Amino acid sequence: MEGAVDAGAISYYPEKGNGSQFHRELCSRYDPGKYNCICCDTELFDSNIKFDSRSGWPSFTQPIKDNVIKYIMDRSYGMTRVEVECSVCDAHLGHVFPDGPAPSGLRYCINSDSLRLVVEEKVAK
């Protein structure tokens, strides 16, 4: 069923897990399209702002719109970082770091299992 949430993936959304580095196919896919929340299908990121951060997780410079991401201070594991959640359904997406490229200087490091890629249809010329 298209858009269905993988049973293994859903287990870490409430627990705010991060999955494994270089895990799942979205790390290395650069198809034109939108990256949606796996839980509620809200558009979160555009493929035009995805980049290879070599971190092992899909990385983006900014969300598709300012209001689709919720930011939460995360002090777990002896670190201070900023967690990002879907602003619609509160699904844990990953974290944002201040070491990304222009234009934002930010790196949204997102769990591959929290996203669903909706590939743009190619228009025949």
Protein backbone atom coordinates (compact mmCIF):
# COMPACT_ATOMS: atom_id res chain seq x y z
CA MET A 1 0.00 0.00 0.00
CA GLU A 2 1.54 3.32 -1.08
CA GLY A 3 2.27 5.72 1.77
CA ALA A 4 1.89 3.05 4.44
CA VAL A 5 4.15 3.44 7.45
CA ASP A 6 6.70 0.67 7.90
CA ALA A 7 6.01 -1.13 11.20
CA GLY A 8 9.72 -1.03 12.10
CA ALA A 9 9.94 2.66 11.34
CA ILE A 10 6.96 3.75 13.40
CA SER A 11 8.44 2.36 16.59
CA TYR A 12 10.95 5.17 17.01
CA TYR A 13 8.72 8.19 16.33
CA PRO A 14 7.29 8.39 19.86
CA GLU A 15 10.68 7.42 21.35
CA LYS A 16 12.47 9.99 19.15
CA GLY A 17 15.06 7.56 17.86
CA ASN A 18 17.43 8.42 15.05
CA GLY A 19 17.67 5.23 13.04
CA SER A 20 20.96 4.04 11.60
CA GLN A 21 23.38 6.07 9.52
CA PHE A 22 23.23 5.41 5.78
CA HIS A 23 19.99 3.52 6.46
CA ARG A 24 17.23 3.24 3.86
CA GLU A 25 17.11 4.51 0.32
CA LEU A 26 16.35 8.22 0.82
CA CYS A 27 19.95 8.97 1.81
CA SER A 28 21.16 8.53 -1.74
CA ARG A 29 18.09 9.50 -3.77
CA TYR A 30 17.98 12.87 -5.49
CA ASP A 31 14.85 12.53 -7.62
CA PRO A 32 12.91 15.78 -8.16
CA GLY A 33 10.01 15.90 -5.74
CA LYS A 34 8.77 16.62 -2.25
CA TYR A 35 9.65 14.89 1.01
CA ASN A 36 6.52 14.41 3.10
CA CYS A 37 5.96 13.36 6.70
CA ILE A 38 5.48 9.58 6.73
CA CYS A 39 2.79 9.87 9.42
CA CYS A 40 0.50 12.66 8.14
CA ASP A 41 1.76 13.34 4.57
CA THR A 42 2.52 17.03 5.20
CA GLU A 43 5.05 18.42 2.70
CA LEU A 44 8.24 19.14 4.66
CA PHE A 45 11.20 19.48 2.26
CA ASP A 46 11.82 19.97 -1.45
CA SER A 47 14.43 17.93 -3.32
CA ASN A 48 15.98 21.21 -4.58
CA ILE A 49 17.24 21.94 -1.05
CA LYS A 50 18.62 18.46 -0.35
CA PHE A 51 22.39 18.03 -0.19
CA ASP A 52 24.94 15.35 0.63
CA SER A 53 26.20 16.18 4.13
CA ARG A 54 28.07 12.86 4.36
CA SER A 55 26.36 12.38 7.73
CA GLY A 56 24.45 9.27 6.70
CA TRP A 57 21.03 10.91 6.93
CA PRO A 58 19.08 12.88 4.31
CA SER A 59 20.02 16.54 4.78
CA PHE A 60 18.27 19.74 3.74
CA THR A 61 19.10 23.45 4.08
CA GLN A 62 15.58 24.55 5.04
CA PRO A 63 11.99 23.34 5.25
CA ILE A 64 9.59 23.84 2.35
CA LYS A 65 7.71 26.44 4.48
CA ASP A 66 8.59 28.01 7.83
CA ASN A 67 5.52 26.68 9.63
CA VAL A 68 5.83 22.95 8.83
CA ILE A 69 8.60 22.25 11.36
CA LYS A 70 8.47 22.53 15.15
CA TYR A 71 11.74 23.13 17.05
CA ILE A 72 12.44 21.64 20.49
CA MET A 73 15.56 21.90 22.67
CA ASP A 74 17.01 18.40 23.09
CA ARG A 75 19.46 17.78 25.93
CA SER A 76 19.51 13.98 25.69
CA TYR A 77 22.68 11.87 25.58
CA GLY A 78 24.77 14.61 27.22
CA MET A 79 24.40 16.92 24.20
CA THR A 80 22.51 20.12 23.50
CA ARG A 81 20.90 20.20 20.07
CA VAL A 82 17.64 21.19 18.40
CA GLU A 83 15.13 18.46 17.60
CA VAL A 84 12.73 18.94 14.70
CA GLU A 85 9.19 17.56 14.60
CA CYS A 86 6.36 17.74 12.10
CA SER A 87 4.23 20.69 13.21
CA VAL A 88 1.03 18.88 12.18
CA CYS A 89 1.36 15.47 13.88
CA ASP A 90 4.41 15.92 16.19
CA ALA A 91 6.35 13.08 14.52
CA HIS A 92 10.05 13.15 15.37
CA LEU A 93 11.98 13.98 12.18
CA GLY A 94 15.56 14.47 13.31
CA HIS A 95 17.69 17.46 14.31
CA VAL A 96 18.92 20.75 12.87
CA PHE A 97 22.54 21.88 13.16
CA PRO A 98 24.24 25.24 12.37
CA ASP A 99 26.85 23.72 10.03
CA GLY A 100 25.03 23.59 6.70
CA PRO A 101 25.66 25.33 3.38
CA ALA A 102 24.14 28.56 2.06
CA PRO A 103 21.57 29.97 1.91
CA SER A 104 20.55 29.14 5.50
CA GLY A 105 23.78 27.81 7.00
CA LEU A 106 21.65 25.09 8.56
CA ARG A 107 21.67 21.30 8.16
CA TYR A 108 18.34 19.61 8.74
CA CYS A 109 19.52 16.07 9.43
CA ILE A 110 16.37 13.98 8.94
CA ASN A 111 15.61 10.33 9.63
CA SER A 112 15.01 8.59 6.33
CA ASP A 113 12.21 6.52 7.87
CA SER A 114 10.30 9.67 8.84
CA LEU A 115 9.98 10.79 5.21
CA ARG A 116 8.12 9.71 2.09
CA LEU A 117 9.44 10.94 -1.25
CA VAL A 118 6.73 12.03 -3.68
CA VAL A 119 8.53 12.06 -7.03
CA GLU A 120 7.52 14.76 -9.51
CA GLU A 121 5.91 13.49 -12.68
CA LYS A 122 8.02 14.09 -15.77
CA VAL A 123 6.23 16.05 -18.46
CA ALA A 124 6.78 14.79 -22.01
CA LYS A 125 8.02 17.46 -24.41
